[in-house]
Amino acid sequence: MTQTPPEKRDQRPIYLRPLNLAWALVAGLLLWIYLPHIISMIKNWWVDPNYSHGFLVPIVSAGLVWRQRHKLGALAAGPNYWGLAVIGGALAVLLVGQLGHEFYLRRLSLIPVLWGLMLLAWGWPVARRLWFAFAYLILMVPLPYMLYDAVAFPLRLVAARIATWGVRLFGVPAFVEGNTVHLPNVVLNVVDACSGIRSLISLLAVGVILAYLILPNRWIKAVVVLLVLPVAVFTNALRVTVAGLAAEWISKETLDGVMHDFVGWIVFMVGFAILLGITLGLKKLVPEPKDHP
C-alpha cells in the first residue's frame, strides 16, 4: 500500500483543514437554527407531566448508539450524498412548520436532519444500522394539541366507563355520565390529567424499547407495541377505580396531593410490569434468529 509523502500531506492544524471547517460551519448553522426549538421542547418536558419522559428518550437513544459503537466503526463507508436530500427534506418540513406556526413539525424536523448528517458523513450501512435509535427520538416530541385532545377525550370516556364497572365490583353503587362517575359520597370527574394519555405516551416509550431490545421478530415486536394501548387503558381505569374507592371509603382528600400521585405511580409500575411480562412471555414462544441485535 502506497502512503502519501509527508510533503504532500495537509500540514495545517486539524481545526483549519477545509473539510473540518465545513463540518463546523454546518454544525454551527444547524445549532443556530434549532437551538430555540430544542429549548422550548425541554421547557415542555419540564412543565408538562405528560412529556416528562422526554428527558429520558435522548439518553436511551444515545445508549442504543453506544452499544453498537464497535460494529459502527467497521460499517463506516464514507460519504453518501443522499444525506443531503434527507437534510433538504427535513429543512423543508421545518420551513412548513415555521410558516404554519406549528411547533410539532419544527421540532420533529430535527430528527431527520441528524439522521441525514449521519448518512452524509458515514454512509448507508451506518445509517441503516441506527435508524431505530433515531426514530425512537420521535417519542420525545410533544404531540400537537389537536391530536392530543382527539386522543385524550375518548380515553376519558373509556376510563370513566370502566372505572364505574370496577367500583361496582366492590359493592359501591355508581353510574357514569359522560366522563363523570357518580358515587354515593363523591363525584369523580375524569379530566385530561386522568385520561390516561400520560400513561399511554410513557408506556409507549417503554414498550417500544422493551420490544426492540428483548424480542427477535419484528412482527412480535409490533404485537407488544399494539398492546400498549389496551394496557394503558386498563391501568388508567384501574387508577380511577382505586381513586374512587379511596375517596368513598377513606376521604375525598385522597383525590389530591401525595396520595393521588402515589396511586398514579403505582399504577404506572403495574402497566410496566404487565408489558414486561408480555414481552418476556413472547420471547419464550418465539425462537431467536442469529442476526438479532
C-alpha atoms as a PDB file:
ATOM      1  CA  MET A   1       0.000   0.000   0.000  1.00  0.00           C
ATOM      2  CA  THR A   2       1.379   3.378  -1.014  1.00  0.00           C
ATOM      3  CA  GLN A   3       1.479   6.163   1.530  1.00  0.00           C
ATOM      4  CA  THR A   4       1.112   9.879   0.941  1.00  0.00           C
ATOM      5  CA  PRO A   5       4.547  11.506   1.097  1.00  0.00           C
ATOM      6  CA  PRO A   6       4.916  13.738   4.166  1.00  0.00           C
ATOM      7  CA  GLU A   7       5.497  16.790   1.995  1.00  0.00           C
ATOM      8  CA  LYS A   8       2.071  16.280   0.306  1.00  0.00           C
ATOM      9  CA  ARG A   9       0.084  15.827   3.495  1.00  0.00           C
ATOM     10  CA  ASP A  10      -2.018  18.671   4.851  1.00  0.00           C
ATOM     11  CA  GLN A  11       0.246  20.178   7.467  1.00  0.00           C
ATOM     12  CA  ARG A  12      -2.352  22.605   8.809  1.00  0.00           C
ATOM     13  CA  PRO A  13      -3.869  22.050  12.273  1.00  0.00           C
ATOM     14  CA  ILE A  14      -6.893  19.750  12.203  1.00  0.00           C
ATOM     15  CA  TYR A  15      -9.292  22.607  13.011  1.00  0.00           C
ATOM     16  CA  LEU A  16      -8.092  24.593   9.989  1.00  0.00           C
ATOM     17  CA  ARG A  17      -8.493  21.875   7.367  1.00  0.00           C
ATOM     18  CA  PRO A  18     -11.221  22.687   4.809  1.00  0.00           C
ATOM     19  CA  LEU A  19     -13.397  19.608   5.410  1.00  0.00           C
ATOM     20  CA  ASN A  20     -13.366  20.066   9.179  1.00  0.00           C
ATOM     21  CA  LEU A  21     -14.112  23.765   8.789  1.00  0.00           C
ATOM     22  CA  ALA A  22     -17.068  22.888   6.552  1.00  0.00           C
ATOM     23  CA  TRP A  23     -18.472  20.450   9.146  1.00  0.00           C
ATOM     24  CA  ALA A  24     -18.002  23.003  11.915  1.00  0.00           C
ATOM     25  CA  LEU A  25     -19.856  25.599   9.832  1.00  0.00           C
ATOM     26  CA  VAL A  26     -22.739  23.194   9.182  1.00  0.00           C
ATOM     27  CA  ALA A  27     -22.923  22.223  12.862  1.00  0.00           C
ATOM     28  CA  GLY A  28     -22.918  25.856  13.943  1.00  0.00           C
ATOM     29  CA  LEU A  29     -25.622  26.790  11.426  1.00  0.00           C
ATOM     30  CA  LEU A  30     -27.895  23.911  12.478  1.00  0.00           C
ATOM     31  CA  LEU A  31     -27.367  24.722  16.143  1.00  0.00           C
ATOM     32  CA  TRP A  32     -28.331  28.338  15.467  1.00  0.00           C
ATOM     33  CA  ILE A  33     -31.489  27.185  13.638  1.00  0.00           C
ATOM     34  CA  TYR A  34     -32.627  24.507  16.079  1.00  0.00           C
ATOM     35  CA  LEU A  35     -31.485  25.738  19.492  1.00  0.00           C
ATOM     36  CA  PRO A  36     -34.672  27.799  20.143  1.00  0.00           C
ATOM     37  CA  HIS A  37     -36.836  24.789  19.250  1.00  0.00           C
ATOM     38  CA  ILE A  38     -34.783  22.460  21.448  1.00  0.00           C
ATOM     39  CA  ILE A  39     -35.023  24.861  24.402  1.00  0.00           C
ATOM     40  CA  SER A  40     -38.796  25.245  24.005  1.00  0.00           C
ATOM     41  CA  MET A  41     -39.183  21.450  23.842  1.00  0.00           C
ATOM     42  CA  ILE A  42     -37.155  20.993  27.029  1.00  0.00           C
ATOM     43  CA  LYS A  43     -39.384  23.557  28.726  1.00  0.00           C
ATOM     44  CA  ASN A  44     -42.390  21.424  27.701  1.00  0.00           C
ATOM     45  CA  TRP A  45     -40.782  18.375  29.286  1.00  0.00           C
ATOM     46  CA  TRP A  46     -40.194  20.333  32.488  1.00  0.00           C
ATOM     47  CA  VAL A  47     -43.647  21.873  32.945  1.00  0.00           C
ATOM     48  CA  ASP A  48     -45.939  19.246  31.357  1.00  0.00           C
ATOM     49  CA  PRO A  49     -46.077  15.894  33.230  1.00  0.00           C
ATOM     50  CA  ASN A  50     -47.377  14.225  30.062  1.00  0.00           C
ATOM     51  CA  TYR A  51     -43.939  14.631  28.483  1.00  0.00           C
ATOM     52  CA  SER A  52     -41.563  14.370  31.440  1.00  0.00           C
ATOM     53  CA  HIS A  53     -40.280  11.123  29.885  1.00  0.00           C
ATOM     54  CA  GLY A  54     -38.775  13.324  27.161  1.00  0.00           C
ATOM     55  CA  PHE A  55     -35.660  13.781  29.288  1.00  0.00           C
ATOM     56  CA  LEU A  56     -35.001  10.028  29.136  1.00  0.00           C
ATOM     57  CA  VAL A  57     -35.671   9.419  25.449  1.00  0.00           C
ATOM     58  CA  PRO A  58     -32.426  11.052  24.142  1.00  0.00           C
ATOM     59  CA  ILE A  59     -30.443   9.178  26.810  1.00  0.00           C
ATOM     60  CA  VAL A  60     -31.959   5.858  25.718  1.00  0.00           C
ATOM     61  CA  SER A  61     -31.317   6.704  22.067  1.00  0.00           C
ATOM     62  CA  ALA A  62     -27.684   7.563  22.824  1.00  0.00           C
ATOM     63  CA  GLY A  63     -27.384   4.273  24.678  1.00  0.00           C
ATOM     64  CA  LEU A  64     -28.643   2.380  21.630  1.00  0.00           C
ATOM     65  CA  VAL A  65     -25.920   4.039  19.560  1.00  0.00           C
ATOM     66  CA  TRP A  66     -23.235   3.424  22.174  1.00  0.00           C
ATOM     67  CA  ARG A  67     -23.953  -0.304  22.488  1.00  0.00           C
ATOM     68  CA  GLN A  68     -23.218  -0.703  18.757  1.00  0.00           C
ATOM     69  CA  ARG A  69     -20.136   1.521  18.631  1.00  0.00           C
ATOM     70  CA  HIS A  70     -17.706  -1.287  17.733  1.00  0.00           C
ATOM     71  CA  LYS A  71     -19.835  -2.526  14.837  1.00  0.00           C
ATOM     72  CA  LEU A  72     -20.377   1.011  13.567  1.00  0.00           C
ATOM     73  CA  GLY A  73     -16.651   1.608  13.140  1.00  0.00           C
ATOM     74  CA  ALA A  74     -16.420  -1.391  10.848  1.00  0.00           C
ATOM     75  CA  LEU A  75     -19.527  -0.351   8.888  1.00  0.00           C
ATOM     76  CA  ALA A  76     -18.452   3.233   8.140  1.00  0.00           C
ATOM     77  CA  ALA A  77     -18.305   3.521   4.358  1.00  0.00           C
ATOM     78  CA  GLY A  78     -17.591   7.185   3.719  1.00  0.00           C
ATOM     79  CA  PRO A  79     -19.894   9.946   2.478  1.00  0.00           C
ATOM     80  CA  ASN A  80     -23.296   9.192   0.979  1.00  0.00           C
ATOM     81  CA  TYR A  81     -24.665  12.302  -0.715  1.00  0.00           C
ATOM     82  CA  TRP A  82     -28.263  11.110  -0.410  1.00  0.00           C
ATOM     83  CA  GLY A  83     -27.881  12.542   3.065  1.00  0.00           C
ATOM     84  CA  LEU A  84     -28.119  15.999   1.506  1.00  0.00           C
ATOM     85  CA  ALA A  85     -31.556  15.106   0.125  1.00  0.00           C
ATOM     86  CA  VAL A  86     -32.695  13.909   3.553  1.00  0.00           C
ATOM     87  CA  ILE A  87     -31.433  17.096   5.188  1.00  0.00           C
ATOM     88  CA  GLY A  88     -33.075  19.226   2.489  1.00  0.00           C
ATOM     89  CA  GLY A  89     -36.419  17.456   3.004  1.00  0.00           C
ATOM     90  CA  ALA A  90     -36.182  17.898   6.775  1.00  0.00           C
ATOM     91  CA  LEU A  91     -35.423  21.609   6.410  1.00  0.00           C
ATOM     92  CA  ALA A  92     -38.458  21.899   4.125  1.00  0.00           C
ATOM     93  CA  VAL A  93     -40.569  20.407   6.940  1.00  0.00           C
ATOM     94  CA  LEU A  94     -39.021  22.973   9.290  1.00  0.00           C
ATOM     95  CA  LEU A  95     -39.984  25.753   6.887  1.00  0.00           C
ATOM     96  CA  VAL A  96     -43.574  24.478   6.652  1.00  0.00           C
ATOM     97  CA  GLY A  97     -43.757  24.373  10.434  1.00  0.00           C
ATOM     98  CA  GLN A  98     -42.336  27.863  10.654  1.00  0.00           C
ATOM     99  CA  LEU A  99     -44.828  29.269   8.144  1.00  0.00           C
ATOM    100  CA  GLY A 100     -47.730  27.398   9.737  1.00  0.00           C
ATOM    101  CA  HIS A 101     -46.675  28.248  13.329  1.00  0.00           C
ATOM    102  CA  GLU A 102     -46.644  24.518  14.080  1.00  0.00           C
ATOM    103  CA  PHE A 103     -44.261  23.589  16.888  1.00  0.00           C
ATOM    104  CA  TYR A 104     -44.532  19.861  16.268  1.00  0.00           C
ATOM    105  CA  LEU A 105     -43.211  19.989  12.704  1.00  0.00           C
ATOM    106  CA  ARG A 106     -40.355  22.307  13.656  1.00  0.00           C
ATOM    107  CA  ARG A 107     -39.189  20.035  16.457  1.00  0.00           C
ATOM    108  CA  LEU A 108     -39.778  16.830  14.539  1.00  0.00           C
ATOM    109  CA  SER A 109     -37.667  18.010  11.596  1.00  0.00           C
ATOM    110  CA  LEU A 110     -34.556  17.913  13.797  1.00  0.00           C
ATOM    111  CA  ILE A 111     -34.566  14.102  13.805  1.00  0.00           C
ATOM    112  CA  PRO A 112     -34.215  13.520  10.021  1.00  0.00           C
ATOM    113  CA  VAL A 113     -31.646  16.332   9.920  1.00  0.00           C
ATOM    114  CA  LEU A 114     -29.479  14.425  12.404  1.00  0.00           C
ATOM    115  CA  TRP A 115     -30.017  11.118  10.598  1.00  0.00           C
ATOM    116  CA  GLY A 116     -29.241  12.764   7.252  1.00  0.00           C
ATOM    117  CA  LEU A 117     -25.994  14.165   8.635  1.00  0.00           C
ATOM    118  CA  MET A 118     -25.009  10.683   9.759  1.00  0.00           C
ATOM    119  CA  LEU A 119     -25.851   9.273   6.324  1.00  0.00           C
ATOM    120  CA  LEU A 120     -23.840  12.028   4.657  1.00  0.00           C
ATOM    121  CA  ALA A 121     -20.798  11.501   6.873  1.00  0.00           C
ATOM    122  CA  TRP A 122     -20.610   7.700   7.296  1.00  0.00           C
ATOM    123  CA  GLY A 123     -22.779   6.164   4.605  1.00  0.00           C
ATOM    124  CA  TRP A 124     -25.778   3.887   4.296  1.00  0.00           C
ATOM    125  CA  PRO A 125     -24.564   0.885   6.366  1.00  0.00           C
ATOM    126  CA  VAL A 126     -24.212   3.033   9.490  1.00  0.00           C
ATOM    127  CA  ALA A 127     -27.452   4.934   8.824  1.00  0.00           C
ATOM    128  CA  ARG A 128     -29.388   1.705   8.298  1.00  0.00           C
ATOM    129  CA  ARG A 129     -27.961   0.233  11.494  1.00  0.00           C
ATOM    130  CA  LEU A 130     -29.012   3.234  13.561  1.00  0.00           C
ATOM    131  CA  TRP A 131     -32.388   4.073  12.034  1.00  0.00           C
ATOM    132  CA  PHE A 132     -34.258   2.802  15.109  1.00  0.00           C
ATOM    133  CA  ALA A 133     -32.151   4.830  17.554  1.00  0.00           C
ATOM    134  CA  PHE A 134     -33.063   7.990  15.638  1.00  0.00           C
ATOM    135  CA  ALA A 135     -36.712   7.014  15.051  1.00  0.00           C
ATOM    136  CA  TYR A 136     -37.063   6.475  18.808  1.00  0.00           C
ATOM    137  CA  LEU A 137     -36.405  10.202  19.274  1.00  0.00           C
ATOM    138  CA  ILE A 138     -39.869  10.875  17.812  1.00  0.00           C
ATOM    139  CA  LEU A 139     -41.289   9.888  21.202  1.00  0.00           C
ATOM    140  CA  MET A 140     -39.609  12.895  22.857  1.00  0.00           C
ATOM    141  CA  VAL A 141     -41.529  15.412  20.700  1.00  0.00           C
ATOM    142  CA  PRO A 142     -44.735  16.688  22.375  1.00  0.00           C
ATOM    143  CA  LEU A 143     -47.845  15.970  20.324  1.00  0.00           C
ATOM    144  CA  PRO A 144     -49.812  18.751  18.619  1.00  0.00           C
ATOM    145  CA  TYR A 145     -52.622  19.909  20.875  1.00  0.00           C
ATOM    146  CA  MET A 146     -55.224  19.000  18.260  1.00  0.00           C
ATOM    147  CA  LEU A 147     -54.033  15.395  18.210  1.00  0.00           C
ATOM    148  CA  TYR A 148     -53.629  15.346  21.980  1.00  0.00           C
ATOM    149  CA  ASP A 149     -57.241  16.428  22.516  1.00  0.00           C
ATOM    150  CA  ALA A 150     -58.503  13.993  19.888  1.00  0.00           C
ATOM    151  CA  VAL A 151     -56.889  11.129  21.813  1.00  0.00           C
ATOM    152  CA  ALA A 152     -57.459  12.354  25.378  1.00  0.00           C
ATOM    153  CA  PHE A 153     -61.221  12.897  25.165  1.00  0.00           C
ATOM    154  CA  PRO A 154     -62.236   9.349  24.175  1.00  0.00           C
ATOM    155  CA  LEU A 155     -59.756   7.964  26.714  1.00  0.00           C
ATOM    156  CA  ARG A 156     -61.541   9.966  29.412  1.00  0.00           C
ATOM    157  CA  LEU A 157     -64.876   8.418  28.433  1.00  0.00           C
ATOM    158  CA  VAL A 158     -63.452   4.894  28.367  1.00  0.00           C
ATOM    159  CA  ALA A 159     -61.706   5.346  31.731  1.00  0.00           C
ATOM    160  CA  ALA A 160     -64.902   6.633  33.345  1.00  0.00           C
ATOM    161  CA  ARG A 161     -66.979   3.735  31.990  1.00  0.00           C
ATOM    162  CA  ILE A 162     -64.525   1.005  33.019  1.00  0.00           C
ATOM    163  CA  ALA A 163     -63.959   2.604  36.437  1.00  0.00           C
ATOM    164  CA  THR A 164     -67.723   2.570  37.013  1.00  0.00           C
ATOM    165  CA  TRP A 165     -67.771  -1.176  36.420  1.00  0.00           C
ATOM    166  CA  GLY A 166     -64.733  -1.504  38.690  1.00  0.00           C
ATOM    167  CA  VAL A 167     -66.240   0.210  41.735  1.00  0.00           C
ATOM    168  CA  ARG A 168     -69.459  -1.762  41.287  1.00  0.00           C
ATOM    169  CA  LEU A 169     -67.433  -4.974  41.654  1.00  0.00           C
ATOM    170  CA  PHE A 170     -66.676  -3.841  45.221  1.00  0.00           C
ATOM    171  CA  GLY A 171     -70.334  -3.281  46.022  1.00  0.00           C
ATOM    172  CA  VAL A 172     -70.277   0.508  45.642  1.00  0.00           C
ATOM    173  CA  PRO A 173     -73.240   1.895  43.667  1.00  0.00           C
ATOM    174  CA  ALA A 174     -72.137   4.038  40.752  1.00  0.00           C
ATOM    175  CA  PHE A 175     -73.319   5.331  37.420  1.00  0.00           C
ATOM    176  CA  VAL A 176     -71.470   7.099  34.640  1.00  0.00           C
ATOM    177  CA  GLU A 177     -72.474  10.257  32.806  1.00  0.00           C
ATOM    178  CA  GLY A 178     -70.008  11.106  30.038  1.00  0.00           C
ATOM    179  CA  ASN A 179     -66.642  11.454  31.746  1.00  0.00           C
ATOM    180  CA  THR A 180     -68.189  11.792  35.231  1.00  0.00           C
ATOM    181  CA  VAL A 181     -68.585   8.905  37.686  1.00  0.00           C
ATOM    182  CA  HIS A 182     -71.234   9.397  40.382  1.00  0.00           C
ATOM    183  CA  LEU A 183     -70.657   7.572  43.675  1.00  0.00           C
ATOM    184  CA  PRO A 184     -72.784   7.836  46.841  1.00  0.00           C
ATOM    185  CA  ASN A 185     -70.468  10.328  48.585  1.00  0.00           C
ATOM    186  CA  VAL A 186     -68.277  11.714  45.823  1.00  0.00           C
ATOM    187  CA  VAL A 187     -68.356  12.669  42.158  1.00  0.00           C
ATOM    188  CA  LEU A 188     -65.333  11.752  40.055  1.00  0.00           C
ATOM    189  CA  ASN A 189     -64.696  13.980  37.069  1.00  0.00           C
ATOM    190  CA  VAL A 190     -62.192  12.250  34.775  1.00  0.00           C
ATOM    191  CA  VAL A 191     -60.287  15.249  33.426  1.00  0.00           C
ATOM    192  CA  ASP A 192     -57.399  15.327  30.942  1.00  0.00           C
ATOM    193  CA  ALA A 193     -54.861  14.630  33.688  1.00  0.00           C
ATOM    194  CA  CYS A 194     -56.712  11.381  34.432  1.00  0.00           C
ATOM    195  CA  SER A 195     -57.479  10.465  30.823  1.00  0.00           C
ATOM    196  CA  GLY A 196     -54.582   8.023  30.663  1.00  0.00           C
ATOM    197  CA  ILE A 197     -52.785   9.704  27.800  1.00  0.00           C
ATOM    198  CA  ARG A 198     -49.843  10.354  30.124  1.00  0.00           C
ATOM    199  CA  SER A 199     -49.586   6.625  30.818  1.00  0.00           C
ATOM    200  CA  LEU A 200     -50.152   5.855  27.146  1.00  0.00           C
ATOM    201  CA  ILE A 201     -47.261   8.045  25.971  1.00  0.00           C
ATOM    202  CA  SER A 202     -44.890   6.855  28.698  1.00  0.00           C
ATOM    203  CA  LEU A 203     -45.804   3.195  28.279  1.00  0.00           C
ATOM    204  CA  LEU A 204     -45.381   3.535  24.533  1.00  0.00           C
ATOM    205  CA  ALA A 205     -41.803   4.726  25.077  1.00  0.00           C
ATOM    206  CA  VAL A 206     -41.239   1.793  27.437  1.00  0.00           C
ATOM    207  CA  GLY A 207     -42.979  -0.790  25.264  1.00  0.00           C
ATOM    208  CA  VAL A 208     -41.085   0.171  22.117  1.00  0.00           C
ATOM    209  CA  ILE A 209     -37.684  -0.145  23.786  1.00  0.00           C
ATOM    210  CA  LEU A 210     -38.613  -3.415  25.530  1.00  0.00           C
ATOM    211  CA  ALA A 211     -39.756  -4.918  22.244  1.00  0.00           C
ATOM    212  CA  TYR A 212     -36.644  -3.739  20.418  1.00  0.00           C
ATOM    213  CA  LEU A 213     -34.160  -4.991  22.992  1.00  0.00           C
ATOM    214  CA  ILE A 214     -35.797  -8.257  24.002  1.00  0.00           C
ATOM    215  CA  LEU A 215     -37.818  -9.660  21.098  1.00  0.00           C
ATOM    216  CA  PRO A 216     -36.184 -11.094  17.954  1.00  0.00           C
ATOM    217  CA  ASN A 217     -39.028 -10.967  15.441  1.00  0.00           C
ATOM    218  CA  ARG A 218     -40.309  -7.659  14.045  1.00  0.00           C
ATOM    219  CA  TRP A 219     -43.899  -8.892  13.906  1.00  0.00           C
ATOM    220  CA  ILE A 220     -43.811  -9.970  17.537  1.00  0.00           C
ATOM    221  CA  LYS A 221     -42.306  -6.587  18.390  1.00  0.00           C
ATOM    222  CA  ALA A 222     -45.280  -4.969  16.670  1.00  0.00           C
ATOM    223  CA  VAL A 223     -47.638  -7.041  18.832  1.00  0.00           C
ATOM    224  CA  VAL A 224     -46.115  -5.610  22.013  1.00  0.00           C
ATOM    225  CA  VAL A 225     -46.355  -2.059  20.671  1.00  0.00           C
ATOM    226  CA  LEU A 226     -50.011  -2.596  19.728  1.00  0.00           C
ATOM    227  CA  LEU A 227     -50.743  -3.956  23.200  1.00  0.00           C
ATOM    228  CA  VAL A 228     -49.538  -0.708  24.782  1.00  0.00           C
ATOM    229  CA  LEU A 229     -52.931   0.932  24.172  1.00  0.00           C
ATOM    230  CA  PRO A 230     -55.100  -1.674  25.947  1.00  0.00           C
ATOM    231  CA  VAL A 231     -52.568  -1.945  28.781  1.00  0.00           C
ATOM    232  CA  ALA A 232     -52.579   1.845  29.228  1.00  0.00           C
ATOM    233  CA  VAL A 233     -56.397   1.959  29.123  1.00  0.00           C
ATOM    234  CA  PHE A 234     -56.691  -0.876  31.654  1.00  0.00           C
ATOM    235  CA  THR A 235     -54.148   0.538  34.098  1.00  0.00           C
ATOM    236  CA  ASN A 236     -55.617   4.034  33.914  1.00  0.00           C
ATOM    237  CA  ALA A 237     -59.115   2.686  34.541  1.00  0.00           C
ATOM    238  CA  LEU A 238     -57.629   0.807  37.496  1.00  0.00           C
ATOM    239  CA  ARG A 239     -56.200   4.093  38.757  1.00  0.00           C
ATOM    240  CA  VAL A 240     -59.587   5.837  38.539  1.00  0.00           C
ATOM    241  CA  THR A 241     -61.225   2.852  40.240  1.00  0.00           C
ATOM    242  CA  VAL A 242     -58.742   2.921  43.131  1.00  0.00           C
ATOM    243  CA  ALA A 243     -59.118   6.701  43.415  1.00  0.00           C
ATOM    244  CA  GLY A 244     -62.907   6.380  43.574  1.00  0.00           C
ATOM    245  CA  LEU A 245     -62.821   3.637  46.210  1.00  0.00           C
ATOM    246  CA  ALA A 246     -60.292   5.561  48.307  1.00  0.00           C
ATOM    247  CA  ALA A 247     -62.414   8.716  48.149  1.00  0.00           C
ATOM    248  CA  GLU A 248     -65.527   6.742  49.044  1.00  0.00           C
ATOM    249  CA  TRP A 249     -64.062   4.651  51.857  1.00  0.00           C
ATOM    250  CA  ILE A 250     -61.344   6.915  53.278  1.00  0.00           C
ATOM    251  CA  SER A 251     -61.672  10.604  52.389  1.00  0.00           C
ATOM    252  CA  LYS A 252     -62.252  12.904  49.459  1.00  0.00           C
ATOM    253  CA  GLU A 253     -58.836  14.415  50.176  1.00  0.00           C
ATOM    254  CA  THR A 254     -57.229  11.293  48.672  1.00  0.00           C
ATOM    255  CA  LEU A 255     -58.203  12.624  45.237  1.00  0.00           C
ATOM    256  CA  ASP A 256     -55.495  15.287  45.521  1.00  0.00           C
ATOM    257  CA  GLY A 257     -51.962  15.634  46.748  1.00  0.00           C
ATOM    258  CA  VAL A 258     -49.454  12.933  47.621  1.00  0.00           C
ATOM    259  CA  MET A 259     -51.939  10.064  47.748  1.00  0.00           C
ATOM    260  CA  HIS A 260     -53.196  10.818  44.249  1.00  0.00           C
ATOM    261  CA  ASP A 261     -49.656  10.977  42.842  1.00  0.00           C
ATOM    262  CA  PHE A 262     -48.642   7.821  44.704  1.00  0.00           C
ATOM    263  CA  VAL A 263     -51.546   5.839  43.254  1.00  0.00           C
ATOM    264  CA  GLY A 264     -50.659   7.110  39.779  1.00  0.00           C
ATOM    265  CA  TRP A 265     -47.031   5.988  40.183  1.00  0.00           C
ATOM    266  CA  ILE A 266     -48.034   2.543  41.471  1.00  0.00           C
ATOM    267  CA  VAL A 267     -50.469   2.017  38.616  1.00  0.00           C
ATOM    268  CA  PHE A 268     -47.843   3.049  36.056  1.00  0.00           C
ATOM    269  CA  MET A 269     -45.482   0.458  37.518  1.00  0.00           C
ATOM    270  CA  VAL A 270     -48.263  -2.111  37.177  1.00  0.00           C
ATOM    271  CA  GLY A 271     -48.523  -1.206  33.494  1.00  0.00           C
ATOM    272  CA  PHE A 272     -44.763  -1.534  33.111  1.00  0.00           C
ATOM    273  CA  ALA A 273     -44.831  -4.947  34.820  1.00  0.00           C
ATOM    274  CA  ILE A 274     -47.622  -6.125  32.508  1.00  0.00           C
ATOM    275  CA  LEU A 275     -45.709  -5.036  29.400  1.00  0.00           C
ATOM    276  CA  LEU A 276     -42.505  -6.635  30.664  1.00  0.00           C
ATOM    277  CA  GLY A 277     -44.352  -9.876  31.431  1.00  0.00           C
ATOM    278  CA  ILE A 278     -45.930  -9.934  27.960  1.00  0.00           C
ATOM    279  CA  THR A 279     -42.550  -9.252  26.328  1.00  0.00           C
ATOM    280  CA  LEU A 280     -40.722 -11.956  28.277  1.00  0.00           C
ATOM    281  CA  GLY A 281     -43.558 -14.407  27.642  1.00  0.00           C
ATOM    282  CA  LEU A 282     -43.428 -13.800  23.900  1.00  0.00           C
ATOM    283  CA  LYS A 283     -39.659 -14.205  23.912  1.00  0.00           C
ATOM    284  CA  LYS A 284     -40.045 -17.750  25.225  1.00  0.00           C
ATOM    285  CA  LEU A 285     -42.553 -18.566  22.491  1.00  0.00           C
ATOM    286  CA  VAL A 286     -40.576 -17.185  19.532  1.00  0.00           C
ATOM    287  CA  PRO A 287     -37.148 -18.573  18.516  1.00  0.00           C
ATOM    288  CA  GLU A 288     -34.346 -16.019  18.301  1.00  0.00           C
ATOM    289  CA  PRO A 289     -32.630 -15.622  14.899  1.00  0.00           C
ATOM    290  CA  LYS A 290     -28.866 -15.465  14.678  1.00  0.00           C
ATOM    291  CA  ASP A 291     -28.825 -11.822  13.494  1.00  0.00           C
ATOM    292  CA  HIS A 292     -30.805 -10.449  16.441  1.00  0.00           C
ATOM    293  CA  PRO A 293     -29.008  -7.234  17.633  1.00  0.00           C
END
